[in-house]
Amino acid sequence: EIIEEAVSALRSGRNQYAPGPGIPALREAVAAHQER
């Protein structure tokens, strides 16, 4: 299912530069992981 998320991102046009610090969704997920 993690692979499928990547495939979905590839097909939906998430193929150009991400923000230098990382996409907000990943930074939020990391912050939530550290707190949890």
PDB file of all heavy atoms in Angstrom:
ATOM      1  N   GLU A   1       0.817  -1.214   0.000  1.00  0.00           N
ATOM      2  CA  GLU A   1       0.000   0.000   0.000  1.00  0.00           C
ATOM      3  C   GLU A   1       0.847   1.259   0.000  1.00  0.00           C
ATOM      4  O   GLU A   1       0.410   2.304  -0.506  1.00  0.00           O
ATOM      5  CB  GLU A   1      -0.977   0.004   1.179  1.00  0.00           C
ATOM      6  CG  GLU A   1      -0.350  -0.230   2.549  1.00  0.00           C
ATOM      7  CD  GLU A   1      -0.435  -1.678   2.990  1.00  0.00           C
ATOM      8  OE1 GLU A   1       0.010  -2.547   2.223  1.00  0.00           O
ATOM      9  OE2 GLU A   1      -0.950  -1.922   4.107  1.00  0.00           O
ATOM     10  N   ILE A   2       2.066   1.182   0.526  1.00  0.00           N
ATOM     11  CA  ILE A   2       2.963   2.342   0.447  1.00  0.00           C
ATOM     12  C   ILE A   2       3.412   2.540  -0.996  1.00  0.00           C
ATOM     13  O   ILE A   2       3.463   3.671  -1.496  1.00  0.00           O
ATOM     14  CB  ILE A   2       4.174   2.147   1.378  1.00  0.00           C
ATOM     15  CG1 ILE A   2       3.715   1.925   2.818  1.00  0.00           C
ATOM     16  CG2 ILE A   2       5.108   3.355   1.302  1.00  0.00           C
ATOM     17  CD1 ILE A   2       4.848   1.618   3.792  1.00  0.00           C
ATOM     18  N   ILE A   3       3.705   1.441  -1.679  1.00  0.00           N
ATOM     19  CA  ILE A   3       4.069   1.523  -3.100  1.00  0.00           C
ATOM     20  C   ILE A   3       2.928   2.131  -3.903  1.00  0.00           C
ATOM     21  O   ILE A   3       3.142   2.976  -4.782  1.00  0.00           O
ATOM     22  CB  ILE A   3       4.451   0.137  -3.639  1.00  0.00           C
ATOM     23  CG1 ILE A   3       5.711  -0.374  -2.922  1.00  0.00           C
ATOM     24  CG2 ILE A   3       4.671   0.181  -5.149  1.00  0.00           C
ATOM     25  CD1 ILE A   3       6.076  -1.804  -3.256  1.00  0.00           C
ATOM     26  N   GLU A   4       1.695   1.723  -3.611  1.00  0.00           N
ATOM     27  CA  GLU A   4       0.546   2.256  -4.340  1.00  0.00           C
ATOM     28  C   GLU A   4       0.394   3.755  -4.125  1.00  0.00           C
ATOM     29  O   GLU A   4      -0.019   4.480  -5.033  1.00  0.00           O
ATOM     30  CB  GLU A   4      -0.729   1.521  -3.923  1.00  0.00           C
ATOM     31  CG  GLU A   4      -0.810   0.102  -4.438  1.00  0.00           C
ATOM     32  CD  GLU A   4      -0.624   0.014  -5.945  1.00  0.00           C
ATOM     33  OE1 GLU A   4      -1.290   0.791  -6.673  1.00  0.00           O
ATOM     34  OE2 GLU A   4       0.193  -0.794  -6.398  1.00  0.00           O
ATOM     35  N   GLU A   5       0.727   4.235  -2.942  1.00  0.00           N
ATOM     36  CA  GLU A   5       0.690   5.679  -2.700  1.00  0.00           C
ATOM     37  C   GLU A   5       1.705   6.402  -3.583  1.00  0.00           C
ATOM     38  O   GLU A   5       1.433   7.486  -4.100  1.00  0.00           O
ATOM     39  CB  GLU A   5       0.962   5.984  -1.228  1.00  0.00           C
ATOM     40  CG  GLU A   5      -0.168   5.607  -0.294  1.00  0.00           C
ATOM     41  CD  GLU A   5      -1.415   6.447  -0.514  1.00  0.00           C
ATOM     42  OE1 GLU A   5      -1.285   7.677  -0.721  1.00  0.00           O
ATOM     43  OE2 GLU A   5      -2.516   5.874  -0.475  1.00  0.00           O
ATOM     44  N   ALA A   6       2.867   5.805  -3.755  1.00  0.00           N
ATOM     45  CA  ALA A   6       3.876   6.403  -4.634  1.00  0.00           C
ATOM     46  C   ALA A   6       3.416   6.378  -6.087  1.00  0.00           C
ATOM     47  O   ALA A   6       3.587   7.361  -6.827  1.00  0.00           O
ATOM     48  CB  ALA A   6       5.205   5.670  -4.478  1.00  0.00           C
ATOM     49  N   VAL A   7       2.825   5.262  -6.498  1.00  0.00           N
ATOM     50  CA  VAL A   7       2.314   5.154  -7.867  1.00  0.00           C
ATOM     51  C   VAL A   7       1.242   6.215  -8.114  1.00  0.00           C
ATOM     52  O   VAL A   7       1.225   6.893  -9.157  1.00  0.00           O
ATOM     53  CB  VAL A   7       1.765   3.745  -8.129  1.00  0.00           C
ATOM     54  CG1 VAL A   7       1.016   3.694  -9.459  1.00  0.00           C
ATOM     55  CG2 VAL A   7       2.899   2.721  -8.111  1.00  0.00           C
ATOM     56  N   SER A   8       0.360   6.372  -7.155  1.00  0.00           N
ATOM     57  CA  SER A   8      -0.688   7.385  -7.279  1.00  0.00           C
ATOM     58  C   SER A   8      -0.098   8.784  -7.402  1.00  0.00           C
ATOM     59  O   SER A   8      -0.553   9.599  -8.208  1.00  0.00           O
ATOM     60  CB  SER A   8      -1.624   7.307  -6.071  1.00  0.00           C
ATOM     61  OG  SER A   8      -2.598   8.328  -6.115  1.00  0.00           O
ATOM     62  N   ALA A   9       0.937   9.068  -6.625  1.00  0.00           N
ATOM     63  CA  ALA A   9       1.577  10.384  -6.694  1.00  0.00           C
ATOM     64  C   ALA A   9       2.245  10.591  -8.046  1.00  0.00           C
ATOM     65  O   ALA A   9       2.173  11.685  -8.630  1.00  0.00           O
ATOM     66  CB  ALA A   9       2.598  10.523  -5.565  1.00  0.00           C
ATOM     67  N   LEU A  10       2.885   9.559  -8.559  1.00  0.00           N
ATOM     68  CA  LEU A  10       3.502   9.654  -9.880  1.00  0.00           C
ATOM     69  C   LEU A  10       2.455   9.961 -10.954  1.00  0.00           C
ATOM     70  O   LEU A  10       2.662  10.812 -11.826  1.00  0.00           O
ATOM     71  CB  LEU A  10       4.210   8.340 -10.220  1.00  0.00           C
ATOM     72  CG  LEU A  10       5.542   8.058  -9.524  1.00  0.00           C
ATOM     73  CD1 LEU A  10       5.890   6.585  -9.637  1.00  0.00           C
ATOM     74  CD2 LEU A  10       6.652   8.912 -10.140  1.00  0.00           C
ATOM     75  N   ARG A  11       1.334   9.267 -10.885  1.00  0.00           N
ATOM     76  CA  ARG A  11       0.309   9.414 -11.925  1.00  0.00           C
ATOM     77  C   ARG A  11      -0.499  10.694 -11.796  1.00  0.00           C
ATOM     78  O   ARG A  11      -1.121  11.141 -12.759  1.00  0.00           O
ATOM     79  CB  ARG A  11      -0.625   8.202 -11.888  1.00  0.00           C
ATOM     80  CG  ARG A  11       0.045   6.932 -12.401  1.00  0.00           C
ATOM     81  CD  ARG A  11      -0.848   5.720 -12.282  1.00  0.00           C
ATOM     82  NE  ARG A  11      -0.257   4.558 -12.949  1.00  0.00           N
ATOM     83  CZ  ARG A  11      -0.641   3.304 -12.753  1.00  0.00           C
ATOM     84  NH1 ARG A  11      -1.611   3.046 -11.887  1.00  0.00           N
ATOM     85  NH2 ARG A  11      -0.058   2.320 -13.401  1.00  0.00           N
ATOM     86  N   SER A  12      -0.493  11.283 -10.624  1.00  0.00           N
ATOM     87  CA  SER A  12      -1.290  12.496 -10.417  1.00  0.00           C
ATOM     88  C   SER A  12      -0.467  13.773 -10.560  1.00  0.00           C
ATOM     89  O   SER A  12      -0.929  14.858 -10.222  1.00  0.00           O
ATOM     90  CB  SER A  12      -1.947  12.465  -9.029  1.00  0.00           C
ATOM     91  OG  SER A  12      -0.970  12.445  -8.004  1.00  0.00           O
ATOM     92  N   GLY A  13       0.765  13.633 -11.058  1.00  0.00           N
ATOM     93  CA  GLY A  13       1.537  14.818 -11.402  1.00  0.00           C
ATOM     94  C   GLY A  13       2.443  15.354 -10.323  1.00  0.00           C
ATOM     95  O   GLY A  13       2.881  16.507 -10.408  1.00  0.00           O
ATOM     96  N   ARG A  14       2.801  14.510  -9.331  1.00  0.00           N
ATOM     97  CA  ARG A  14       3.696  14.979  -8.263  1.00  0.00           C
ATOM     98  C   ARG A  14       5.147  14.705  -8.656  1.00  0.00           C
ATOM     99  O   ARG A  14       5.899  14.066  -7.913  1.00  0.00           O
ATOM    100  CB  ARG A  14       3.349  14.266  -6.951  1.00  0.00           C
ATOM    101  CG  ARG A  14       1.890  14.357  -6.529  1.00  0.00           C
ATOM    102  CD  ARG A  14       1.487  15.748  -6.090  1.00  0.00           C
ATOM    103  NE  ARG A  14       2.151  16.134  -4.871  1.00  0.00           N
ATOM    104  CZ  ARG A  14       1.693  15.845  -3.658  1.00  0.00           C
ATOM    105  NH1 ARG A  14       0.565  15.147  -3.513  1.00  0.00           N
ATOM    106  NH2 ARG A  14       2.347  16.250  -2.583  1.00  0.00           N
ATOM    107  N   ASN A  15       5.539  15.181  -9.815  1.00  0.00           N
ATOM    108  CA  ASN A  15       6.831  14.795 -10.379  1.00  0.00           C
ATOM    109  C   ASN A  15       7.818  15.945 -10.537  1.00  0.00           C
ATOM    110  O   ASN A  15       8.913  15.746 -11.079  1.00  0.00           O
ATOM    111  CB  ASN A  15       6.618  14.115 -11.729  1.00  0.00           C
ATOM    112  CG  ASN A  15       5.770  12.873 -11.611  1.00  0.00           C
ATOM    113  OD1 ASN A  15       6.102  11.968 -10.854  1.00  0.00           O
ATOM    114  ND2 ASN A  15       4.657  12.834 -12.326  1.00  0.00           N
ATOM    115  N   GLN A  16       7.464  17.120 -10.097  1.00  0.00           N
ATOM    116  CA  GLN A  16       8.378  18.254 -10.162  1.00  0.00           C
ATOM    117  C   GLN A  16       8.959  18.514  -8.777  1.00  0.00           C
ATOM    118  O   GLN A  16       8.657  17.810  -7.816  1.00  0.00           O
ATOM    119  CB  GLN A  16       7.653  19.471 -10.722  1.00  0.00           C
ATOM    120  CG  GLN A  16       6.932  19.224 -12.047  1.00  0.00           C
ATOM    121  CD  GLN A  16       7.813  18.569 -13.107  1.00  0.00           C
ATOM    122  OE1 GLN A  16       8.999  18.887 -13.229  1.00  0.00           O
ATOM    123  NE2 GLN A  16       7.247  17.633 -13.864  1.00  0.00           N
ATOM    124  N   TYR A  17       9.791  19.539  -8.665  1.00  0.00           N
ATOM    125  CA  TYR A  17      10.457  19.819  -7.406  1.00  0.00           C
ATOM    126  C   TYR A  17       9.469  19.914  -6.243  1.00  0.00           C
ATOM    127  O   TYR A  17       8.482  20.633  -6.322  1.00  0.00           O
ATOM    128  CB  TYR A  17      11.207  21.148  -7.468  1.00  0.00           C
ATOM    129  CG  TYR A  17      12.406  21.170  -8.386  1.00  0.00           C
ATOM    130  CD1 TYR A  17      12.572  22.199  -9.307  1.00  0.00           C
ATOM    131  CD2 TYR A  17      13.379  20.181  -8.309  1.00  0.00           C
ATOM    132  CE1 TYR A  17      13.677  22.254 -10.133  1.00  0.00           C
ATOM    133  CE2 TYR A  17      14.494  20.224  -9.138  1.00  0.00           C
ATOM    134  CZ  TYR A  17      14.633  21.263 -10.048  1.00  0.00           C
ATOM    135  OH  TYR A  17      15.739  21.309 -10.869  1.00  0.00           O
ATOM    136  N   ALA A  18       9.763  19.208  -5.187  1.00  0.00           N
ATOM    137  CA  ALA A  18       9.057  19.427  -3.923  1.00  0.00           C
ATOM    138  C   ALA A  18       9.703  20.614  -3.212  1.00  0.00           C
ATOM    139  O   ALA A  18      10.837  20.993  -3.526  1.00  0.00           O
ATOM    140  CB  ALA A  18       9.162  18.176  -3.052  1.00  0.00           C
ATOM    141  N   PRO A  19       9.032  21.237  -2.269  1.00  0.00           N
ATOM    142  CA  PRO A  19       9.675  22.299  -1.496  1.00  0.00           C
ATOM    143  C   PRO A  19      10.962  21.788  -0.849  1.00  0.00           C
ATOM    144  O   PRO A  19      11.042  20.629  -0.426  1.00  0.00           O
ATOM    145  CB  PRO A  19       8.628  22.660  -0.435  1.00  0.00           C
ATOM    146  CG  PRO A  19       7.335  22.195  -1.000  1.00  0.00           C
ATOM    147  CD  PRO A  19       7.649  20.990  -1.839  1.00  0.00           C
ATOM    148  N   GLY A  20      11.966  22.635  -0.750  1.00  0.00           N
ATOM    149  CA  GLY A  20      13.246  22.238  -0.164  1.00  0.00           C
ATOM    150  C   GLY A  20      13.118  21.588   1.197  1.00  0.00           C
ATOM    151  O   GLY A  20      13.751  20.556   1.459  1.00  0.00           O
ATOM    152  N   PRO A  21      12.300  22.124   2.111  1.00  0.00           N
ATOM    153  CA  PRO A  21      12.147  21.499   3.429  1.00  0.00           C
ATOM    154  C   PRO A  21      11.297  20.235   3.419  1.00  0.00           C
ATOM    155  O   PRO A  21      11.198  19.557   4.449  1.00  0.00           O
ATOM    156  CB  PRO A  21      11.452  22.581   4.269  1.00  0.00           C
ATOM    157  CG  PRO A  21      11.630  23.854   3.501  1.00  0.00           C
ATOM    158  CD  PRO A  21      11.676  23.450   2.065  1.00  0.00           C
ATOM    159  N   GLY A  22      10.662  19.918   2.282  1.00  0.00           N
ATOM    160  CA  GLY A  22       9.765  18.767   2.218  1.00  0.00           C
ATOM    161  C   GLY A  22       8.323  19.207   2.087  1.00  0.00           C
ATOM    162  O   GLY A  22       7.961  20.321   2.471  1.00  0.00           O
ATOM    163  N   ILE A  23       7.477  18.326   1.553  1.00  0.00           N
ATOM    164  CA  ILE A  23       6.065  18.682   1.413  1.00  0.00           C
ATOM    165  C   ILE A  23       5.437  18.794   2.805  1.00  0.00           C
ATOM    166  O   ILE A  23       5.838  18.095   3.737  1.00  0.00           O
ATOM    167  CB  ILE A  23       5.304  17.662   0.542  1.00  0.00           C
ATOM    168  CG1 ILE A  23       5.285  16.274   1.198  1.00  0.00           C
ATOM    169  CG2 ILE A  23       5.893  17.589  -0.862  1.00  0.00           C
ATOM    170  CD1 ILE A  23       4.346  15.283   0.517  1.00  0.00           C
ATOM    171  N   PRO A  24       4.451  19.669   2.968  1.00  0.00           N
ATOM    172  CA  PRO A  24       3.839  19.819   4.294  1.00  0.00           C
ATOM    173  C   PRO A  24       3.308  18.513   4.865  1.00  0.00           C
ATOM    174  O   PRO A  24       3.435  18.271   6.074  1.00  0.00           O
ATOM    175  CB  PRO A  24       2.722  20.834   4.029  1.00  0.00           C
ATOM    176  CG  PRO A  24       3.217  21.651   2.882  1.00  0.00           C
ATOM    177  CD  PRO A  24       3.968  20.685   2.012  1.00  0.00           C
ATOM    178  N   ALA A  25       2.725  17.648   4.024  1.00  0.00           N
ATOM    179  CA  ALA A  25       2.151  16.401   4.538  1.00  0.00           C
ATOM    180  C   ALA A  25       3.204  15.525   5.202  1.00  0.00           C
ATOM    181  O   ALA A  25       2.950  14.897   6.237  1.00  0.00           O
ATOM    182  CB  ALA A  25       1.462  15.635   3.404  1.00  0.00           C
ATOM    183  N   LEU A  26       4.398  15.465   4.625  1.00  0.00           N
ATOM    184  CA  LEU A  26       5.452  14.644   5.215  1.00  0.00           C
ATOM    185  C   LEU A  26       5.960  15.276   6.503  1.00  0.00           C
ATOM    186  O   LEU A  26       6.142  14.587   7.520  1.00  0.00           O
ATOM    187  CB  LEU A  26       6.602  14.453   4.233  1.00  0.00           C
ATOM    188  CG  LEU A  26       7.808  13.667   4.770  1.00  0.00           C
ATOM    189  CD1 LEU A  26       7.391  12.298   5.296  1.00  0.00           C
ATOM    190  CD2 LEU A  26       8.878  13.516   3.686  1.00  0.00           C
ATOM    191  N   ARG A  27       6.172  16.577   6.510  1.00  0.00           N
ATOM    192  CA  ARG A  27       6.663  17.227   7.723  1.00  0.00           C
ATOM    193  C   ARG A  27       5.648  17.093   8.860  1.00  0.00           C
ATOM    194  O   ARG A  27       6.016  16.866  10.018  1.00  0.00           O
ATOM    195  CB  ARG A  27       6.978  18.693   7.438  1.00  0.00           C
ATOM    196  CG  ARG A  27       8.276  18.857   6.643  1.00  0.00           C
ATOM    197  CD  ARG A  27       8.595  20.311   6.366  1.00  0.00           C
ATOM    198  NE  ARG A  27       7.849  20.806   5.229  1.00  0.00           N
ATOM    199  CZ  ARG A  27       7.328  22.020   5.142  1.00  0.00           C
ATOM    200  NH1 ARG A  27       7.418  22.864   6.150  1.00  0.00           N
ATOM    201  NH2 ARG A  27       6.686  22.397   4.054  1.00  0.00           N
ATOM    202  N   GLU A  28       4.376  17.179   8.525  1.00  0.00           N
ATOM    203  CA  GLU A  28       3.340  17.004   9.554  1.00  0.00           C
ATOM    204  C   GLU A  28       3.306  15.563  10.054  1.00  0.00           C
ATOM    205  O   GLU A  28       3.128  15.313  11.259  1.00  0.00           O
ATOM    206  CB  GLU A  28       1.983  17.412   8.982  1.00  0.00           C
ATOM    207  CG  GLU A  28       1.862  18.917   8.743  1.00  0.00           C
ATOM    208  CD  GLU A  28       0.706  19.286   7.833  1.00  0.00           C
ATOM    209  OE1 GLU A  28      -0.069  18.375   7.444  1.00  0.00           O
ATOM    210  OE2 GLU A  28       0.584  20.484   7.479  1.00  0.00           O
ATOM    211  N   ALA A  29       3.482  14.613   9.148  1.00  0.00           N
ATOM    212  CA  ALA A  29       3.480  13.202   9.553  1.00  0.00           C
ATOM    213  C   ALA A  29       4.679  12.881  10.440  1.00  0.00           C
ATOM    214  O   ALA A  29       4.566  12.129  11.409  1.00  0.00           O
ATOM    215  CB  ALA A  29       3.477  12.302   8.315  1.00  0.00           C
ATOM    216  N   VAL A  30       5.840  13.454  10.120  1.00  0.00           N
ATOM    217  CA  VAL A  30       7.033  13.240  10.939  1.00  0.00           C
ATOM    218  C   VAL A  30       6.828  13.839  12.328  1.00  0.00           C
ATOM    219  O   VAL A  30       7.130  13.208  13.355  1.00  0.00           O
ATOM    220  CB  VAL A  30       8.277  13.840  10.260  1.00  0.00           C
ATOM    221  CG1 VAL A  30       9.457  13.867  11.228  1.00  0.00           C
ATOM    222  CG2 VAL A  30       8.635  13.058   8.998  1.00  0.00           C
ATOM    223  N   ALA A  31       6.294  15.060  12.383  1.00  0.00           N
ATOM    224  CA  ALA A  31       6.047  15.699  13.680  1.00  0.00           C
ATOM    225  C   ALA A  31       5.079  14.870  14.515  1.00  0.00           C
ATOM    226  O   ALA A  31       5.288  14.672  15.724  1.00  0.00           O
ATOM    227  CB  ALA A  31       5.518  17.115  13.476  1.00  0.00           C
ATOM    228  N   ALA A  32       4.027  14.369  13.878  1.00  0.00           N
ATOM    229  CA  ALA A  32       3.048  13.545  14.595  1.00  0.00           C
ATOM    230  C   ALA A  32       3.680  12.238  15.080  1.00  0.00           C
ATOM    231  O   ALA A  32       3.391  11.761  16.182  1.00  0.00           O
ATOM    232  CB  ALA A  32       1.853  13.261  13.690  1.00  0.00           C
ATOM    233  N   HIS A  33       4.538  11.659  14.262  1.00  0.00           N
ATOM    234  CA  HIS A  33       5.246  10.429  14.637  1.00  0.00           C
ATOM    235  C   HIS A  33       6.105  10.657  15.873  1.00  0.00           C
ATOM    236  O   HIS A  33       6.091   9.854  16.824  1.00  0.00           O
ATOM    237  CB  HIS A  33       6.109   9.971  13.458  1.00  0.00           C
ATOM    238  CG  HIS A  33       7.075   8.873  13.765  1.00  0.00           C
ATOM    239  ND1 HIS A  33       8.315   9.090  14.329  1.00  0.00           N
ATOM    240  CD2 HIS A  33       6.984   7.522  13.568  1.00  0.00           C
ATOM    241  CE1 HIS A  33       8.941   7.944  14.476  1.00  0.00           C
ATOM    242  NE2 HIS A  33       8.166   6.974  14.021  1.00  0.00           N
ATOM    243  N   GLN A  34       6.854  11.758  15.904  1.00  0.00           N
ATOM    244  CA  GLN A  34       7.729  12.031  17.047  1.00  0.00           C
ATOM    245  C   GLN A  34       6.926  12.250  18.334  1.00  0.00           C
ATOM    246  O   GLN A  34       7.331  11.807  19.414  1.00  0.00           O
ATOM    247  CB  GLN A  34       8.616  13.247  16.751  1.00  0.00           C
ATOM    248  CG  GLN A  34       9.605  13.051  15.594  1.00  0.00           C
ATOM    249  CD  GLN A  34      10.568  11.913  15.836  1.00  0.00           C
ATOM    250  OE1 GLN A  34      10.308  10.758  15.485  1.00  0.00           O
ATOM    251  NE2 GLN A  34      11.710  12.234  16.442  1.00  0.00           N
ATOM    252  N   GLU A  35       5.793  12.908  18.202  1.00  0.00           N
ATOM    253  CA  GLU A  35       4.964  13.134  19.390  1.00  0.00           C
ATOM    254  C   GLU A  35       4.282  11.841  19.834  1.00  0.00           C
ATOM    255  O   GLU A  35       4.240  11.533  21.039  1.00  0.00           O
ATOM    256  CB  GLU A  35       3.929  14.211  19.115  1.00  0.00           C
ATOM    257  CG  GLU A  35       3.095  14.553  20.339  1.00  0.00           C
ATOM    258  CD  GLU A  35       2.186  15.754  20.139  1.00  0.00           C
ATOM    259  OE1 GLU A  35       2.059  16.241  18.999  1.00  0.00           O
ATOM    260  OE2 GLU A  35       1.590  16.203  21.145  1.00  0.00           O
ATOM    261  N   ARG A  36       3.793  11.066  18.887  1.00  0.00           N
ATOM    262  CA  ARG A  36       3.059   9.848  19.217  1.00  0.00           C
ATOM    263  C   ARG A  36       3.966   8.809  19.872  1.00  0.00           C
ATOM    264  O   ARG A  36       3.569   8.160  20.856  1.00  0.00           O
ATOM    265  CB  ARG A  36       2.447   9.280  17.933  1.00  0.00           C
ATOM    266  CG  ARG A  36       1.563   8.065  18.117  1.00  0.00           C
ATOM    267  CD  ARG A  36       0.801   7.764  16.833  1.00  0.00           C
ATOM    268  NE  ARG A  36       1.630   7.328  15.723  1.00  0.00           N
ATOM    269  CZ  ARG A  36       1.905   8.054  14.641  1.00  0.00           C
ATOM    270  NH1 ARG A  36       1.438   9.291  14.517  1.00  0.00           N
ATOM    271  NH2 ARG A  36       2.672   7.560  13.671  1.00  0.00           N
TER     272      ARG A  36
END
